Amino acid sequence: MCRTANTVRADLERTVLREAELTWTTYDVLVIVCAREAAEPPAIAAEAGVARATVTNALALLADRGLVRREQYEHDLRRVVVRPTRAGSSLAGMLRRQVGARRAELVRNAAMPSEGSLAAALGALADQIRPGAGPAGKGRAR
């Protein structure tokens, strides 16, 4: 399962994300920021399942490209909130559609169960093992 996930991720980086000059991690961070509309780096790191230093580097790259902006809290200058820019939201939306189309193509070509069934099964597995999942296996929203 892990090798398959890594292979799919590498394929998506080559076929979809390379043109946008993003890695899977920077794409994931951008999508998380856009979905939340405002997020703090520790929460982004937890949701992406990567180290905070990795998120810091990804955010620096995204900010340099004008895709996100970092703002300090008014009453606590040690805390930062990250918000997507219009360009970031637009790019994230376009890339999510392209990633979804490529994912559907991979599933279709592999003669696997429908993408919806496979996605539901993988989502249920992720929810069951995600840190903070409740006793019924329900974790955070994907």
C-alpha atoms as a PDB file:
ATOM      1  CA  MET A   1       0.000   0.000   0.000  1.00  0.00           C
ATOM      2  CA  CYS A   2       2.816   2.420   0.881  1.00  0.00           C
ATOM      3  CA  ARG A   3       4.742   1.695  -2.319  1.00  0.00           C
ATOM      4  CA  THR A   4       1.583   2.185  -4.361  1.00  0.00           C
ATOM      5  CA  ALA A   5       0.837   5.498  -2.638  1.00  0.00           C
ATOM      6  CA  ASN A   6       4.408   6.695  -3.247  1.00  0.00           C
ATOM      7  CA  THR A   7       4.227   5.640  -6.893  1.00  0.00           C
ATOM      8  CA  VAL A   8       0.928   7.469  -7.408  1.00  0.00           C
ATOM      9  CA  ARG A   9       2.298  10.548  -5.658  1.00  0.00           C
ATOM     10  CA  ALA A  10       5.411  10.535  -7.874  1.00  0.00           C
ATOM     11  CA  ASP A  11       3.220  10.157 -10.969  1.00  0.00           C
ATOM     12  CA  LEU A  12       1.064  13.122  -9.919  1.00  0.00           C
ATOM     13  CA  GLU A  13       4.173  15.219  -9.313  1.00  0.00           C
ATOM     14  CA  ARG A  14       5.482  14.353 -12.803  1.00  0.00           C
ATOM     15  CA  THR A  15       2.221  14.641 -14.732  1.00  0.00           C
ATOM     16  CA  VAL A  16       0.376  17.464 -12.972  1.00  0.00           C
ATOM     17  CA  LEU A  17       2.455  19.379 -10.451  1.00  0.00           C
ATOM     18  CA  ARG A  18       5.735  19.739 -12.331  1.00  0.00           C
ATOM     19  CA  GLU A  19       4.287  22.322 -14.729  1.00  0.00           C
ATOM     20  CA  ALA A  20       3.170  24.409 -11.736  1.00  0.00           C
ATOM     21  CA  GLU A  21       6.647  23.922 -10.194  1.00  0.00           C
ATOM     22  CA  LEU A  22       5.209  22.360  -7.033  1.00  0.00           C
ATOM     23  CA  THR A  23       6.051  19.224  -5.113  1.00  0.00           C
ATOM     24  CA  TRP A  24       3.375  17.090  -3.524  1.00  0.00           C
ATOM     25  CA  THR A  25       4.109  18.719  -0.166  1.00  0.00           C
ATOM     26  CA  THR A  26       3.824  22.300  -1.427  1.00  0.00           C
ATOM     27  CA  TYR A  27       0.624  21.351  -3.287  1.00  0.00           C
ATOM     28  CA  ASP A  28      -0.803  19.732  -0.151  1.00  0.00           C
ATOM     29  CA  VAL A  29       0.074  22.772   1.990  1.00  0.00           C
ATOM     30  CA  LEU A  30      -1.516  25.120  -0.564  1.00  0.00           C
ATOM     31  CA  VAL A  31      -4.707  23.039  -0.738  1.00  0.00           C
ATOM     32  CA  ILE A  32      -4.966  22.921   3.070  1.00  0.00           C
ATOM     33  CA  VAL A  33      -4.526  26.694   3.377  1.00  0.00           C
ATOM     34  CA  CYS A  34      -7.120  27.299   0.652  1.00  0.00           C
ATOM     35  CA  ALA A  35      -9.610  24.877   2.186  1.00  0.00           C
ATOM     36  CA  ARG A  36      -9.327  26.484   5.621  1.00  0.00           C
ATOM     37  CA  GLU A  37      -9.019  30.065   4.305  1.00  0.00           C
ATOM     38  CA  ALA A  38      -6.834  30.795   7.340  1.00  0.00           C
ATOM     39  CA  ALA A  39      -4.560  28.352   9.134  1.00  0.00           C
ATOM     40  CA  GLU A  40      -1.650  28.315  11.538  1.00  0.00           C
ATOM     41  CA  PRO A  41       1.511  26.423  10.567  1.00  0.00           C
ATOM     42  CA  PRO A  42       1.263  23.816  13.370  1.00  0.00           C
ATOM     43  CA  ALA A  43      -2.267  22.906  12.241  1.00  0.00           C
ATOM     44  CA  ILE A  44      -1.127  22.705   8.613  1.00  0.00           C
ATOM     45  CA  ALA A  45       1.759  20.409   9.620  1.00  0.00           C
ATOM     46  CA  ALA A  46      -0.581  18.148  11.580  1.00  0.00           C
ATOM     47  CA  GLU A  47      -3.092  17.897   8.741  1.00  0.00           C
ATOM     48  CA  ALA A  48      -0.429  17.325   6.086  1.00  0.00           C
ATOM     49  CA  GLY A  49       1.396  14.818   8.288  1.00  0.00           C
ATOM     50  CA  VAL A  50       4.758  16.532   7.881  1.00  0.00           C
ATOM     51  CA  ALA A  51       7.213  18.302  10.172  1.00  0.00           C
ATOM     52  CA  ARG A  52       6.646  21.933  11.031  1.00  0.00           C
ATOM     53  CA  ALA A  53      10.004  22.815   9.434  1.00  0.00           C
ATOM     54  CA  THR A  54       8.766  21.258   6.188  1.00  0.00           C
ATOM     55  CA  VAL A  55       5.646  23.434   6.355  1.00  0.00           C
ATOM     56  CA  THR A  56       7.775  26.511   7.055  1.00  0.00           C
ATOM     57  CA  ASN A  57       9.837  25.832   3.920  1.00  0.00           C
ATOM     58  CA  ALA A  58       6.726  25.139   1.810  1.00  0.00           C
ATOM     59  CA  LEU A  59       5.053  28.330   3.041  1.00  0.00           C
ATOM     60  CA  ALA A  60       8.168  30.375   2.249  1.00  0.00           C
ATOM     61  CA  LEU A  61       8.124  29.075  -1.326  1.00  0.00           C
ATOM     62  CA  LEU A  62       4.366  29.654  -1.690  1.00  0.00           C
ATOM     63  CA  ALA A  63       4.640  33.163  -0.214  1.00  0.00           C
ATOM     64  CA  ASP A  64       7.553  34.044  -2.529  1.00  0.00           C
ATOM     65  CA  ARG A  65       5.344  33.039  -5.457  1.00  0.00           C
ATOM     66  CA  GLY A  66       2.446  35.142  -4.189  1.00  0.00           C
ATOM     67  CA  LEU A  67       0.190  32.140  -3.532  1.00  0.00           C
ATOM     68  CA  VAL A  68      -0.211  32.640   0.231  1.00  0.00           C
ATOM     69  CA  ARG A  69       0.397  35.464   2.666  1.00  0.00           C
ATOM     70  CA  ARG A  70       1.535  35.203   6.259  1.00  0.00           C
ATOM     71  CA  GLU A  71       0.101  37.580   8.827  1.00  0.00           C
ATOM     72  CA  GLN A  72       0.895  38.064  12.493  1.00  0.00           C
ATOM     73  CA  TYR A  73      -1.870  38.042  15.050  1.00  0.00           C
ATOM     74  CA  GLU A  74      -2.577  41.522  16.355  1.00  0.00           C
ATOM     75  CA  HIS A  75      -2.368  40.560  20.040  1.00  0.00           C
ATOM     76  CA  ASP A  76       0.308  37.851  19.827  1.00  0.00           C
ATOM     77  CA  LEU A  77       3.154  38.673  17.468  1.00  0.00           C
ATOM     78  CA  ARG A  78       4.645  35.204  17.980  1.00  0.00           C
ATOM     79  CA  ARG A  79       1.702  33.573  16.171  1.00  0.00           C
ATOM     80  CA  VAL A  80       1.241  33.542  12.415  1.00  0.00           C
ATOM     81  CA  VAL A  81      -1.842  32.824  10.353  1.00  0.00           C
ATOM     82  CA  VAL A  82      -1.569  31.898   6.683  1.00  0.00           C
ATOM     83  CA  ARG A  83      -4.185  32.906   4.123  1.00  0.00           C
ATOM     84  CA  PRO A  84      -4.408  32.095   0.425  1.00  0.00           C
ATOM     85  CA  THR A  85      -4.163  34.850  -2.147  1.00  0.00           C
ATOM     86  CA  ARG A  86      -6.554  34.991  -5.071  1.00  0.00           C
ATOM     87  CA  ALA A  87      -3.789  33.530  -7.271  1.00  0.00           C
ATOM     88  CA  GLY A  88      -3.211  30.736  -4.743  1.00  0.00           C
ATOM     89  CA  SER A  89      -6.898  29.831  -4.586  1.00  0.00           C
ATOM     90  CA  SER A  90      -7.126  29.821  -8.359  1.00  0.00           C
ATOM     91  CA  LEU A  91      -4.046  27.621  -8.773  1.00  0.00           C
ATOM     92  CA  ALA A  92      -5.165  25.229  -6.030  1.00  0.00           C
ATOM     93  CA  GLY A  93      -8.586  24.827  -7.648  1.00  0.00           C
ATOM     94  CA  MET A  94      -7.097  24.172 -11.079  1.00  0.00           C
ATOM     95  CA  LEU A  95      -4.574  21.677  -9.714  1.00  0.00           C
ATOM     96  CA  ARG A  96      -7.189  19.841  -7.634  1.00  0.00           C
ATOM     97  CA  ARG A  97      -9.234  19.288 -10.798  1.00  0.00           C
ATOM     98  CA  GLN A  98      -6.168  18.076 -12.691  1.00  0.00           C
ATOM     99  CA  VAL A  99      -5.064  15.797  -9.844  1.00  0.00           C
ATOM    100  CA  GLY A 100      -8.608  14.397  -9.644  1.00  0.00           C
ATOM    101  CA  ALA A 101      -8.709  13.756 -13.385  1.00  0.00           C
ATOM    102  CA  ARG A 102      -5.318  12.017 -13.336  1.00  0.00           C
ATOM    103  CA  ARG A 103      -6.309   9.965 -10.298  1.00  0.00           C
ATOM    104  CA  ALA A 104      -9.522   8.884 -12.046  1.00  0.00           C
ATOM    105  CA  GLU A 105      -7.496   7.933 -15.131  1.00  0.00           C
ATOM    106  CA  LEU A 106      -5.100   5.825 -13.064  1.00  0.00           C
ATOM    107  CA  VAL A 107      -7.966   4.015 -11.325  1.00  0.00           C
ATOM    108  CA  ARG A 108      -9.820   3.458 -14.603  1.00  0.00           C
ATOM    109  CA  ASN A 109      -6.726   2.115 -16.376  1.00  0.00           C
ATOM    110  CA  ALA A 110      -5.942  -0.260 -13.509  1.00  0.00           C
ATOM    111  CA  ALA A 111      -9.417  -1.877 -13.765  1.00  0.00           C
ATOM    112  CA  MET A 112     -10.032  -1.136 -10.098  1.00  0.00           C
ATOM    113  CA  PRO A 113     -13.379  -0.567  -8.347  1.00  0.00           C
ATOM    114  CA  SER A 114     -15.027   2.752  -9.128  1.00  0.00           C
ATOM    115  CA  GLU A 115     -13.098   5.773  -7.959  1.00  0.00           C
ATOM    116  CA  GLY A 116     -15.886   6.665  -5.534  1.00  0.00           C
ATOM    117  CA  SER A 117     -15.783   3.241  -3.876  1.00  0.00           C
ATOM    118  CA  LEU A 118     -12.019   3.235  -3.690  1.00  0.00           C
ATOM    119  CA  ALA A 119     -11.914   6.787  -2.336  1.00  0.00           C
ATOM    120  CA  ALA A 120     -14.534   5.931   0.294  1.00  0.00           C
ATOM    121  CA  ALA A 121     -12.593   2.843   1.392  1.00  0.00           C
ATOM    122  CA  LEU A 122      -9.284   4.719   1.585  1.00  0.00           C
ATOM    123  CA  GLY A 123     -10.951   7.623   3.385  1.00  0.00           C
ATOM    124  CA  ALA A 124     -12.477   5.274   5.956  1.00  0.00           C
ATOM    125  CA  LEU A 125      -9.076   3.659   6.508  1.00  0.00           C
ATOM    126  CA  ALA A 126      -7.416   7.071   6.951  1.00  0.00           C
ATOM    127  CA  ASP A 127     -10.124   8.201   9.373  1.00  0.00           C
ATOM    128  CA  GLN A 128      -9.710   5.023  11.408  1.00  0.00           C
ATOM    129  CA  ILE A 129      -5.968   5.417  11.900  1.00  0.00           C
ATOM    130  CA  ARG A 130      -5.644   9.225  11.922  1.00  0.00           C
ATOM    131  CA  PRO A 131      -4.462  10.588  15.292  1.00  0.00           C
ATOM    132  CA  GLY A 132      -7.405  11.888  17.268  1.00  0.00           C
ATOM    133  CA  ALA A 133      -9.892   9.496  15.678  1.00  0.00           C
ATOM    134  CA  GLY A 134     -12.751   8.669  17.981  1.00  0.00           C
ATOM    135  CA  PRO A 135     -13.854   5.183  19.057  1.00  0.00           C
ATOM    136  CA  ALA A 136     -16.171   4.878  16.063  1.00  0.00           C
ATOM    137  CA  GLY A 137     -13.236   5.547  13.762  1.00  0.00           C
ATOM    138  CA  LYS A 138     -14.262   9.094  12.922  1.00  0.00           C
ATOM    139  CA  GLY A 139     -11.459  11.611  12.655  1.00  0.00           C
ATOM    140  CA  ARG A 140     -11.187  15.042  11.172  1.00  0.00           C
ATOM    141  CA  ALA A 141     -12.774  15.907   7.885  1.00  0.00           C
ATOM    142  CA  ARG A 142     -10.639  15.131   4.853  1.00  0.00           C
END
